[in-house]
């Protein structure tokens, strides 16, 4: 049975990050950013800027905000 995709992705990402840190790639800058798209979804992504000014976007994820819980009616004065 194969591992769930998120667990597999996380397992692969950790060694890659450690490799970059040990290799001395400290001139790269990674910043998490967010925005709301035209459909009202909250989106996040990671922007990595390289030494030479190149930019790359990774981990784009969009989700609809939670729907508000229906409010209960006010108690009637008795």
PDB file of N, CA and C in Angstrom:
ATOM      1  N   UNK A   1       0.843  -1.179   0.000  1.00  0.00           N
ATOM      2  CA  UNK A   1       0.000   0.000   0.000  1.00  0.00           C
ATOM      3  C   UNK A   1       0.884   1.236   0.000  1.00  0.00           C
ATOM      4  N   UNK A   2       0.591   2.203  -0.813  1.00  0.00           N
ATOM      5  CA  UNK A   2       1.439   3.388  -0.923  1.00  0.00           C
ATOM      6  C   UNK A   2       1.073   4.416   0.133  1.00  0.00           C
ATOM      7  N   UNK A   3       2.031   5.274   0.459  1.00  0.00           N
ATOM      8  CA  UNK A   3       1.810   6.332   1.454  1.00  0.00           C
ATOM      9  C   UNK A   3       0.926   7.411   0.861  1.00  0.00           C
ATOM     10  N   UNK A   4       0.163   8.111   1.712  1.00  0.00           N
ATOM     11  CA  UNK A   4      -0.656   9.222   1.203  1.00  0.00           C
ATOM     12  C   UNK A   4       0.225  10.267   0.521  1.00  0.00           C
ATOM     13  N   UNK A   5      -0.293  10.961  -0.499  1.00  0.00           N
ATOM     14  CA  UNK A   5       0.517  11.918  -1.261  1.00  0.00           C
ATOM     15  C   UNK A   5       1.134  13.018  -0.403  1.00  0.00           C
ATOM     16  N   UNK A   6       0.397  13.547   0.578  1.00  0.00           N
ATOM     17  CA  UNK A   6       0.954  14.628   1.393  1.00  0.00           C
ATOM     18  C   UNK A   6       2.116  14.139   2.237  1.00  0.00           C
ATOM     19  N   UNK A   7       1.996  12.943   2.814  1.00  0.00           N
ATOM     20  CA  UNK A   7       3.085  12.409   3.623  1.00  0.00           C
ATOM     21  C   UNK A   7       4.308  12.157   2.756  1.00  0.00           C
ATOM     22  N   UNK A   8       4.088  11.651   1.553  1.00  0.00           N
ATOM     23  CA  UNK A   8       5.200  11.393   0.636  1.00  0.00           C
ATOM     24  C   UNK A   8       5.875  12.703   0.233  1.00  0.00           C
ATOM     25  N   UNK A   9       5.077  13.729  -0.080  1.00  0.00           N
ATOM     26  CA  UNK A   9       5.637  15.027  -0.464  1.00  0.00           C
ATOM     27  C   UNK A   9       6.432  15.627   0.673  1.00  0.00           C
ATOM     28  N   UNK A  10       5.923  15.522   1.900  1.00  0.00           N
ATOM     29  CA  UNK A  10       6.637  16.066   3.056  1.00  0.00           C
ATOM     30  C   UNK A  10       7.941  15.314   3.279  1.00  0.00           C
ATOM     31  N   UNK A  11       7.910  14.001   3.107  1.00  0.00           N
ATOM     32  CA  UNK A  11       9.122  13.196   3.294  1.00  0.00           C
ATOM     33  C   UNK A  11      10.191  13.552   2.268  1.00  0.00           C
ATOM     34  N   UNK A  12       9.779  13.906   1.066  1.00  0.00           N
ATOM     35  CA  UNK A  12      10.735  14.284   0.032  1.00  0.00           C
ATOM     36  C   UNK A  12      11.214  15.728   0.193  1.00  0.00           C
ATOM     37  N   UNK A  13      10.370  16.596   0.741  1.00  0.00           N
ATOM     38  CA  UNK A  13      10.725  18.010   0.873  1.00  0.00           C
ATOM     39  C   UNK A  13      11.776  18.238   1.941  1.00  0.00           C
ATOM     40  N   UNK A  14      11.700  17.506   3.046  1.00  0.00           N
ATOM     41  CA  UNK A  14      12.651  17.725   4.151  1.00  0.00           C
ATOM     42  C   UNK A  14      14.089  17.478   3.706  1.00  0.00           C
ATOM     43  N   UNK A  15      14.418  16.351   3.076  1.00  0.00           N
ATOM     44  CA  UNK A  15      15.811  16.177   2.626  1.00  0.00           C
ATOM     45  C   UNK A  15      16.243  17.237   1.618  1.00  0.00           C
ATOM     46  N   UNK A  16      15.343  17.676   0.764  1.00  0.00           N
ATOM     47  CA  UNK A  16      15.695  18.691  -0.229  1.00  0.00           C
ATOM     48  C   UNK A  16      16.051  20.003   0.453  1.00  0.00           C
ATOM     49  N   UNK A  17      15.288  20.384   1.475  1.00  0.00           N
ATOM     50  CA  UNK A  17      15.567  21.619   2.206  1.00  0.00           C
ATOM     51  C   UNK A  17      16.880  21.503   2.948  1.00  0.00           C
ATOM     52  N   UNK A  18      17.124  20.366   3.588  1.00  0.00           N
ATOM     53  CA  UNK A  18      18.382  20.165   4.303  1.00  0.00           C
ATOM     54  C   UNK A  18      19.568  20.210   3.335  1.00  0.00           C
ATOM     55  N   UNK A  19      19.395  19.636   2.172  1.00  0.00           N
ATOM     56  CA  UNK A  19      20.464  19.643   1.173  1.00  0.00           C
ATOM     57  C   UNK A  19      20.788  21.068   0.747  1.00  0.00           C
ATOM     58  N   UNK A  20      19.770  21.882   0.503  1.00  0.00           N
ATOM     59  CA  UNK A  20      20.005  23.277   0.120  1.00  0.00           C
ATOM     60  C   UNK A  20      20.676  24.051   1.239  1.00  0.00           C
ATOM     61  N   UNK A  21      20.261  23.813   2.470  1.00  0.00           N
ATOM     62  CA  UNK A  21      20.850  24.522   3.602  1.00  0.00           C
ATOM     63  C   UNK A  21      22.320  24.147   3.779  1.00  0.00           C
ATOM     64  N   UNK A  22      22.636  22.865   3.625  1.00  0.00           N
ATOM     65  CA  UNK A  22      24.014  22.419   3.792  1.00  0.00           C
ATOM     66  C   UNK A  22      24.890  22.814   2.604  1.00  0.00           C
ATOM     67  N   UNK A  23      24.294  23.011   1.447  1.00  0.00           N
ATOM     68  CA  UNK A  23      25.056  23.350   0.253  1.00  0.00           C
ATOM     69  C   UNK A  23      25.447  24.817   0.212  1.00  0.00           C
ATOM     70  N   UNK A  24      24.892  25.625   1.116  1.00  0.00           N
ATOM     71  CA  UNK A  24      25.262  27.036   1.156  1.00  0.00           C
ATOM     72  C   UNK A  24      24.478  27.893   0.189  1.00  0.00           C
ATOM     73  N   UNK A  25      23.264  27.547  -0.116  1.00  0.00           N
ATOM     74  CA  UNK A  25      22.437  28.331  -1.027  1.00  0.00           C
ATOM     75  C   UNK A  25      21.711  29.434  -0.260  1.00  0.00           C
ATOM     76  N   UNK A  26      22.428  30.122   0.588  1.00  0.00           N
ATOM     77  CA  UNK A  26      21.799  31.133   1.442  1.00  0.00           C
ATOM     78  C   UNK A  26      21.447  32.400   0.681  1.00  0.00           C
ATOM     79  N   UNK A  27      21.841  32.491  -0.591  1.00  0.00           N
ATOM     80  CA  UNK A  27      21.516  33.683  -1.361  1.00  0.00           C
ATOM     81  C   UNK A  27      20.109  33.619  -1.942  1.00  0.00           C
ATOM     82  N   UNK A  28      19.453  32.457  -1.835  1.00  0.00           N
ATOM     83  CA  UNK A  28      18.076  32.347  -2.278  1.00  0.00           C
ATOM     84  C   UNK A  28      17.150  32.776  -1.153  1.00  0.00           C
ATOM     85  N   UNK A  29      16.051  33.396  -1.530  1.00  0.00           N
ATOM     86  CA  UNK A  29      15.109  33.893  -0.539  1.00  0.00           C
ATOM     87  C   UNK A  29      13.740  33.301  -0.834  1.00  0.00           C
ATOM     88  N   UNK A  30      13.118  32.663   0.169  1.00  0.00           N
ATOM     89  CA  UNK A  30      11.784  32.089   0.020  1.00  0.00           C
ATOM     90  C   UNK A  30      10.822  32.848   0.923  1.00  0.00           C
ATOM     91  N   UNK A  31       9.704  33.300   0.342  1.00  0.00           N
ATOM     92  CA  UNK A  31       8.713  34.071   1.074  1.00  0.00           C
ATOM     93  C   UNK A  31       7.333  33.495   0.797  1.00  0.00           C
ATOM     94  N   UNK A  32       6.556  33.270   1.866  1.00  0.00           N
ATOM     95  CA  UNK A  32       5.175  32.811   1.680  1.00  0.00           C
ATOM     96  C   UNK A  32       4.284  34.023   1.505  1.00  0.00           C
ATOM     97  N   UNK A  33       3.449  33.995   0.494  1.00  0.00           N
ATOM     98  CA  UNK A  33       2.549  35.111   0.204  1.00  0.00           C
ATOM     99  C   UNK A  33       1.129  34.594   0.085  1.00  0.00           C
ATOM    100  N   UNK A  34       0.161  35.494   0.184  1.00  0.00           N
ATOM    101  CA  UNK A  34      -1.233  35.085   0.053  1.00  0.00           C
ATOM    102  C   UNK A  34      -2.032  36.159  -0.671  1.00  0.00           C
ATOM    103  N   UNK A  35      -3.163  35.750  -1.215  1.00  0.00           N
ATOM    104  CA  UNK A  35      -4.067  36.664  -1.902  1.00  0.00           C
ATOM    105  C   UNK A  35      -5.457  36.034  -1.937  1.00  0.00           C
ATOM    106  N   UNK A  36      -6.454  36.810  -2.274  1.00  0.00           N
ATOM    107  CA  UNK A  36      -7.817  36.317  -2.462  1.00  0.00           C
ATOM    108  C   UNK A  36      -8.136  36.443  -3.947  1.00  0.00           C
ATOM    109  N   UNK A  37      -8.546  35.337  -4.561  1.00  0.00           N
ATOM    110  CA  UNK A  37      -8.827  35.384  -5.997  1.00  0.00           C
ATOM    111  C   UNK A  37     -10.236  35.915  -6.269  1.00  0.00           C
ATOM    112  N   UNK A  38     -10.587  36.025  -7.543  1.00  0.00           N
ATOM    113  CA  UNK A  38     -11.864  36.634  -7.924  1.00  0.00           C
ATOM    114  C   UNK A  38     -13.064  35.793  -7.513  1.00  0.00           C
ATOM    115  N   UNK A  39     -12.842  34.542  -7.098  1.00  0.00           N
ATOM    116  CA  UNK A  39     -13.928  33.671  -6.652  1.00  0.00           C
ATOM    117  C   UNK A  39     -14.077  33.678  -5.127  1.00  0.00           C
ATOM    118  N   UNK A  40     -13.252  34.483  -4.447  1.00  0.00           N
ATOM    119  CA  UNK A  40     -13.321  34.572  -2.997  1.00  0.00           C
ATOM    120  C   UNK A  40     -12.520  33.518  -2.265  1.00  0.00           C
ATOM    121  N   UNK A  41     -11.676  32.792  -2.989  1.00  0.00           N
ATOM    122  CA  UNK A  41     -10.854  31.769  -2.341  1.00  0.00           C
ATOM    123  C   UNK A  41      -9.600  32.400  -1.741  1.00  0.00           C
ATOM    124  N   UNK A  42      -9.194  31.900  -0.577  1.00  0.00           N
ATOM    125  CA  UNK A  42      -7.943  32.323   0.043  1.00  0.00           C
ATOM    126  C   UNK A  42      -6.830  31.454  -0.531  1.00  0.00           C
ATOM    127  N   UNK A  43      -5.835  32.084  -1.154  1.00  0.00           N
ATOM    128  CA  UNK A  43      -4.755  31.345  -1.809  1.00  0.00           C
ATOM    129  C   UNK A  43      -3.418  31.704  -1.168  1.00  0.00           C
ATOM    130  N   UNK A  44      -2.539  30.710  -1.048  1.00  0.00           N
ATOM    131  CA  UNK A  44      -1.184  30.939  -0.559  1.00  0.00           C
ATOM    132  C   UNK A  44      -0.198  30.299  -1.533  1.00  0.00           C
ATOM    133  N   UNK A  45       1.006  30.831  -1.562  1.00  0.00           N
ATOM    134  CA  UNK A  45       2.064  30.255  -2.377  1.00  0.00           C
ATOM    135  C   UNK A  45       3.413  30.653  -1.800  1.00  0.00           C
ATOM    136  N   UNK A  46       4.456  29.966  -2.235  1.00  0.00           N
ATOM    137  CA  UNK A  46       5.821  30.281  -1.819  1.00  0.00           C
ATOM    138  C   UNK A  46       6.556  30.818  -3.033  1.00  0.00           C
ATOM    139  N   UNK A  47       7.145  32.007  -2.894  1.00  0.00           N
ATOM    140  CA  UNK A  47       7.929  32.590  -3.977  1.00  0.00           C
ATOM    141  C   UNK A  47       9.401  32.484  -3.594  1.00  0.00           C
ATOM    142  N   UNK A  48      10.186  31.878  -4.465  1.00  0.00           N
ATOM    143  CA  UNK A  48      11.623  31.725  -4.242  1.00  0.00           C
ATOM    144  C   UNK A  48      12.334  32.623  -5.236  1.00  0.00           C
ATOM    145  N   UNK A  49      13.180  33.528  -4.698  1.00  0.00           N
ATOM    146  CA  UNK A  49      13.954  34.432  -5.551  1.00  0.00           C
ATOM    147  C   UNK A  49      15.415  34.004  -5.501  1.00  0.00           C
ATOM    148  N   UNK A  50      15.956  33.731  -6.679  1.00  0.00           N
ATOM    149  CA  UNK A  50      17.331  33.250  -6.780  1.00  0.00           C
ATOM    150  C   UNK A  50      18.353  34.372  -6.751  1.00  0.00           C
ATOM    151  N   UNK A  51      19.620  33.966  -6.773  1.00  0.00           N
ATOM    152  CA  UNK A  51      20.738  34.919  -6.737  1.00  0.00           C
ATOM    153  C   UNK A  51      20.694  35.905  -7.887  1.00  0.00           C
ATOM    154  N   UNK A  52      20.305  35.439  -9.057  1.00  0.00           N
ATOM    155  CA  UNK A  52      20.344  36.290 -10.246  1.00  0.00           C
ATOM    156  C   UNK A  52      19.022  37.006 -10.509  1.00  0.00           C
ATOM    157  N   UNK A  53      18.088  37.002  -9.532  1.00  0.00           N
ATOM    158  CA  UNK A  53      16.822  37.705  -9.682  1.00  0.00           C
ATOM    159  C   UNK A  53      15.699  36.876 -10.267  1.00  0.00           C
ATOM    160  N   UNK A  54      15.999  35.634 -10.652  1.00  0.00           N
ATOM    161  CA  UNK A  54      14.944  34.752 -11.149  1.00  0.00           C
ATOM    162  C   UNK A  54      13.962  34.460 -10.026  1.00  0.00           C
ATOM    163  N   UNK A  55      12.692  34.361 -10.372  1.00  0.00           N
ATOM    164  CA  UNK A  55      11.663  34.067  -9.379  1.00  0.00           C
ATOM    165  C   UNK A  55      10.926  32.799  -9.788  1.00  0.00           C
ATOM    166  N   UNK A  56      10.578  31.992  -8.793  1.00  0.00           N
ATOM    167  CA  UNK A  56       9.844  30.762  -9.023  1.00  0.00           C
ATOM    168  C   UNK A  56       8.737  30.668  -7.976  1.00  0.00           C
ATOM    169  N   UNK A  57       7.596  30.155  -8.379  1.00  0.00           N
ATOM    170  CA  UNK A  57       6.460  30.008  -7.471  1.00  0.00           C
ATOM    171  C   UNK A  57       6.205  28.528  -7.245  1.00  0.00           C
ATOM    172  N   UNK A  58       5.963  28.159  -5.980  1.00  0.00           N
ATOM    173  CA  UNK A  58       5.699  26.767  -5.640  1.00  0.00           C
ATOM    174  C   UNK A  58       4.602  26.690  -4.593  1.00  0.00           C
ATOM    175  N   UNK A  59       4.047  25.515  -4.424  1.00  0.00           N
ATOM    176  CA  UNK A  59       3.058  25.224  -3.383  1.00  0.00           C
ATOM    177  C   UNK A  59       1.833  26.129  -3.440  1.00  0.00           C
ATOM    178  N   UNK A  60       1.280  26.333  -4.622  1.00  0.00           N
ATOM    179  CA  UNK A  60       0.059  27.129  -4.750  1.00  0.00           C
ATOM    180  C   UNK A  60      -1.104  26.325  -4.212  1.00  0.00           C
ATOM    181  N   UNK A  61      -1.856  26.921  -3.287  1.00  0.00           N
ATOM    182  CA  UNK A  61      -3.003  26.249  -2.683  1.00  0.00           C
ATOM    183  C   UNK A  61      -4.115  27.254  -2.477  1.00  0.00           C
ATOM    184  N   UNK A  62      -5.323  26.941  -2.963  1.00  0.00           N
ATOM    185  CA  UNK A  62      -6.484  27.820  -2.803  1.00  0.00           C
ATOM    186  C   UNK A  62      -7.616  27.055  -2.134  1.00  0.00           C
ATOM    187  N   UNK A  63      -8.252  27.697  -1.186  1.00  0.00           N
ATOM    188  CA  UNK A  63      -9.382  27.092  -0.491  1.00  0.00           C
ATOM    189  C   UNK A  63     -10.461  28.133  -0.291  1.00  0.00           C
ATOM    190  N   UNK A  64     -11.710  27.675  -0.357  1.00  0.00           N
ATOM    191  CA  UNK A  64     -12.808  28.577  -0.044  1.00  0.00           C
ATOM    192  C   UNK A  64     -12.824  28.813   1.463  1.00  0.00           C
ATOM    193  N   UNK A  65     -13.144  30.026   1.889  1.00  0.00           N
ATOM    194  CA  UNK A  65     -13.211  30.281   3.334  1.00  0.00           C
ATOM    195  C   UNK A  65     -14.365  29.485   3.935  1.00  0.00           C
ATOM    196  N   UNK A  66     -14.289  29.173   5.224  1.00  0.00           N
ATOM    197  CA  UNK A  66     -15.375  28.421   5.845  1.00  0.00           C
ATOM    198  C   UNK A  66     -16.672  29.222   5.799  1.00  0.00           C
ATOM    199  N   UNK A  67     -17.761  28.517   5.606  1.00  0.00           N
ATOM    200  CA  UNK A  67     -19.056  29.201   5.595  1.00  0.00           C
ATOM    201  C   UNK A  67     -19.462  29.512   7.033  1.00  0.00           C
ATOM    202  N   UNK A  68     -20.038  30.669   7.241  1.00  0.00           N
ATOM    203  CA  UNK A  68     -20.438  31.010   8.616  1.00  0.00           C
ATOM    204  C   UNK A  68     -21.546  30.080   9.103  1.00  0.00           C
ATOM    205  N   UNK A  69     -21.490  29.763  10.389  1.00  0.00           N
ATOM    206  CA  UNK A  69     -22.505  28.895  10.983  1.00  0.00           C
ATOM    207  C   UNK A  69     -23.826  29.648  11.036  1.00  0.00           C
ATOM    208  N   UNK A  70     -24.914  28.963  10.773  1.00  0.00           N
ATOM    209  CA  UNK A  70     -26.199  29.657  10.840  1.00  0.00           C
ATOM    210  C   UNK A  70     -26.462  30.135  12.258  1.00  0.00           C
ATOM    211  N   UNK A  71     -26.911  31.366  12.367  1.00  0.00           N
ATOM    212  CA  UNK A  71     -27.159  31.907  13.698  1.00  0.00           C
ATOM    213  C   UNK A  71     -28.501  31.404  14.218  1.00  0.00           C
ATOM    214  N   UNK A  72     -28.521  31.154  15.508  1.00  0.00           N
ATOM    215  CA  UNK A  72     -29.765  30.687  16.109  1.00  0.00           C
ATOM    216  C   UNK A  72     -30.671  31.885  16.380  1.00  0.00           C
ATOM    217  N   UNK A  73     -31.963  31.672  16.360  1.00  0.00           N
ATOM    218  CA  UNK A  73     -32.886  32.793  16.599  1.00  0.00           C
ATOM    219  C   UNK A  73     -32.738  33.321  18.028  1.00  0.00           C
ATOM    220  N   UNK A  74     -32.951  34.598  18.174  1.00  0.00           N
ATOM    221  CA  UNK A  74     -32.864  35.225  19.497  1.00  0.00           C
ATOM    222  C   UNK A  74     -33.993  34.689  20.377  1.00  0.00           C
ATOM    223  N   UNK A  75     -33.685  34.498  21.651  1.00  0.00           N
ATOM    224  CA  UNK A  75     -34.737  34.032  22.539  1.00  0.00           C
ATOM    225  C   UNK A  75     -35.839  35.093  22.660  1.00  0.00           C
ATOM    226  N   UNK A  76     -37.076  34.653  22.666  1.00  0.00           N
ATOM    227  CA  UNK A  76     -38.186  35.607  22.773  1.00  0.00           C
ATOM    228  C   UNK A  76     -38.415  35.975  24.228  1.00  0.00           C
ATOM    229  N   UNK A  77     -38.657  37.252  24.485  1.00  0.00           N
ATOM    230  CA  UNK A  77     -38.896  37.663  25.869  1.00  0.00           C
ATOM    231  C   UNK A  77     -40.238  37.092  26.353  1.00  0.00           C
ATOM    232  N   UNK A  78     -40.216  36.471  27.509  1.00  0.00           N
ATOM    233  CA  UNK A  78     -41.453  35.879  28.053  1.00  0.00           C
ATOM    234  C   UNK A  78     -41.767  36.460  29.402  1.00  0.00           C
TER     235      UNK A  78
END
